[in-house]
Amino acid sequence: MFDPKWLVLGVFVAAFALLANYDTQLGIAAGTLLGIAAVIYFWARLRLWMADHEPGDTRRAMVERFRKLTDNRRRARDKELSGE
């Protein structure tokens, strides 16, 4: 529902605005740090997301699931035909 990261981001932007209003050079420095932090955050998030979603892993999982379903159906059919 409400993610705390938005609160942190809002406070950071407000602090940046106050710094920029107080001193332009300090605001530029804070903006640079904000930009660097954002780039590092998005790079790390993308890197971790790509590690979890490798195409080979997804295909392998689907093939394994299909094999399990096929085996379950074959066992059920054999059980039904044998009259158990």
C-alpha atoms as a PDB file:
ATOM      1  CA  MET A   1       0.000   0.000   0.000  1.00  0.00           C
ATOM      2  CA  PHE A   2       2.383   2.729   1.184  1.00  0.00           C
ATOM      3  CA  ASP A   3       6.036   2.071   0.539  1.00  0.00           C
ATOM      4  CA  PRO A   4       8.418   3.800   2.994  1.00  0.00           C
ATOM      5  CA  LYS A   5      10.911   4.482   0.213  1.00  0.00           C
ATOM      6  CA  TRP A   6       8.598   7.233  -1.068  1.00  0.00           C
ATOM      7  CA  LEU A   7       8.688   8.936   2.320  1.00  0.00           C
ATOM      8  CA  VAL A   8      12.482   8.773   2.364  1.00  0.00           C
ATOM      9  CA  LEU A   9      12.644  10.065  -1.201  1.00  0.00           C
ATOM     10  CA  GLY A  10      10.273  12.931  -0.367  1.00  0.00           C
ATOM     11  CA  VAL A  11      12.327  13.963   2.660  1.00  0.00           C
ATOM     12  CA  PHE A  12      15.495  13.793   0.571  1.00  0.00           C
ATOM     13  CA  VAL A  13      13.993  15.983  -2.165  1.00  0.00           C
ATOM     14  CA  ALA A  14      12.744  18.475   0.447  1.00  0.00           C
ATOM     15  CA  ALA A  15      16.219  18.609   2.017  1.00  0.00           C
ATOM     16  CA  PHE A  16      17.712  19.103  -1.439  1.00  0.00           C
ATOM     17  CA  ALA A  17      15.299  21.984  -2.106  1.00  0.00           C
ATOM     18  CA  LEU A  18      16.188  23.613   1.206  1.00  0.00           C
ATOM     19  CA  LEU A  19      19.906  23.263   0.485  1.00  0.00           C
ATOM     20  CA  ALA A  20      19.501  24.628  -3.038  1.00  0.00           C
ATOM     21  CA  ASN A  21      17.549  27.589  -1.668  1.00  0.00           C
ATOM     22  CA  TYR A  22      20.143  28.237   1.044  1.00  0.00           C
ATOM     23  CA  ASP A  23      23.282  27.910  -1.088  1.00  0.00           C
ATOM     24  CA  THR A  24      23.456  27.220  -4.812  1.00  0.00           C
ATOM     25  CA  GLN A  25      26.810  25.397  -4.719  1.00  0.00           C
ATOM     26  CA  LEU A  26      25.657  23.250  -1.826  1.00  0.00           C
ATOM     27  CA  GLY A  27      22.436  22.505  -3.760  1.00  0.00           C
ATOM     28  CA  ILE A  28      24.430  21.480  -6.825  1.00  0.00           C
ATOM     29  CA  ALA A  29      26.587  19.216  -4.666  1.00  0.00           C
ATOM     30  CA  ALA A  30      23.491  17.651  -3.073  1.00  0.00           C
ATOM     31  CA  GLY A  31      21.896  17.221  -6.507  1.00  0.00           C
ATOM     32  CA  THR A  32      25.030  15.496  -7.780  1.00  0.00           C
ATOM     33  CA  LEU A  33      24.986  13.132  -4.819  1.00  0.00           C
ATOM     34  CA  LEU A  34      21.289  12.460  -5.408  1.00  0.00           C
ATOM     35  CA  GLY A  35      21.990  11.682  -9.064  1.00  0.00           C
ATOM     36  CA  ILE A  36      24.877   9.361  -8.229  1.00  0.00           C
ATOM     37  CA  ALA A  37      22.788   7.577  -5.591  1.00  0.00           C
ATOM     38  CA  ALA A  38      19.911   7.170  -8.070  1.00  0.00           C
ATOM     39  CA  VAL A  39      22.207   5.749 -10.756  1.00  0.00           C
ATOM     40  CA  ILE A  40      23.765   3.277  -8.310  1.00  0.00           C
ATOM     41  CA  TYR A  41      20.314   2.266  -6.995  1.00  0.00           C
ATOM     42  CA  PHE A  42      18.855   1.645 -10.453  1.00  0.00           C
ATOM     43  CA  TRP A  43      21.984  -0.142 -11.647  1.00  0.00           C
ATOM     44  CA  ALA A  44      21.932  -2.480  -8.624  1.00  0.00           C
ATOM     45  CA  ARG A  45      18.201  -3.072  -8.930  1.00  0.00           C
ATOM     46  CA  LEU A  46      18.463  -3.875 -12.639  1.00  0.00           C
ATOM     47  CA  ARG A  47      21.473  -6.102 -12.051  1.00  0.00           C
ATOM     48  CA  LEU A  48      19.690  -8.084  -9.325  1.00  0.00           C
ATOM     49  CA  TRP A  49      16.504  -8.328 -11.415  1.00  0.00           C
ATOM     50  CA  MET A  50      18.406  -9.675 -14.400  1.00  0.00           C
ATOM     51  CA  ALA A  51      20.167 -12.243 -12.210  1.00  0.00           C
ATOM     52  CA  ASP A  52      16.774 -13.595 -11.078  1.00  0.00           C
ATOM     53  CA  HIS A  53      15.221 -13.634 -14.556  1.00  0.00           C
ATOM     54  CA  GLU A  54      17.679 -15.366 -16.816  1.00  0.00           C
ATOM     55  CA  PRO A  55      15.957 -16.782 -19.907  1.00  0.00           C
ATOM     56  CA  GLY A  56      17.497 -20.236 -19.486  1.00  0.00           C
ATOM     57  CA  ASP A  57      16.181 -20.576 -15.954  1.00  0.00           C
ATOM     58  CA  THR A  58      12.639 -19.692 -16.986  1.00  0.00           C
ATOM     59  CA  ARG A  59      12.625 -22.144 -19.870  1.00  0.00           C
ATOM     60  CA  ARG A  60      14.161 -24.869 -17.731  1.00  0.00           C
ATOM     61  CA  ALA A  61      11.497 -24.364 -15.053  1.00  0.00           C
ATOM     62  CA  MET A  62       8.695 -24.533 -17.625  1.00  0.00           C
ATOM     63  CA  VAL A  63      10.086 -27.743 -19.152  1.00  0.00           C
ATOM     64  CA  GLU A  64      10.418 -29.311 -15.711  1.00  0.00           C
ATOM     65  CA  ARG A  65       6.846 -28.350 -14.818  1.00  0.00           C
ATOM     66  CA  PHE A  66       5.584 -29.799 -18.106  1.00  0.00           C
ATOM     67  CA  ARG A  67       7.412 -33.082 -17.422  1.00  0.00           C
ATOM     68  CA  LYS A  68       5.915 -33.301 -13.934  1.00  0.00           C
ATOM     69  CA  LEU A  69       2.410 -32.660 -15.260  1.00  0.00           C
ATOM     70  CA  THR A  70       2.881 -35.257 -17.984  1.00  0.00           C
ATOM     71  CA  ASP A  71       4.125 -37.828 -15.455  1.00  0.00           C
ATOM     72  CA  ASN A  72       1.182 -37.120 -13.133  1.00  0.00           C
ATOM     73  CA  ARG A  73      -1.296 -37.543 -16.003  1.00  0.00           C
ATOM     74  CA  ARG A  74       0.378 -40.753 -17.142  1.00  0.00           C
ATOM     75  CA  ARG A  75       0.270 -42.177 -13.597  1.00  0.00           C
ATOM     76  CA  ALA A  76      -3.403 -41.194 -13.208  1.00  0.00           C
ATOM     77  CA  ARG A  77      -4.271 -42.766 -16.570  1.00  0.00           C
ATOM     78  CA  ASP A  78      -2.374 -45.975 -15.726  1.00  0.00           C
ATOM     79  CA  LYS A  79      -4.046 -46.113 -12.327  1.00  0.00           C
ATOM     80  CA  GLU A  80      -7.477 -45.652 -13.920  1.00  0.00           C
ATOM     81  CA  LEU A  81      -6.834 -48.316 -16.555  1.00  0.00           C
ATOM     82  CA  SER A  82      -5.569 -50.845 -14.013  1.00  0.00           C
ATOM     83  CA  GLY A  83      -8.741 -50.374 -11.952  1.00  0.00           C
ATOM     84  CA  GLU A  84      -7.172 -49.318  -8.666  1.00  0.00           C
END
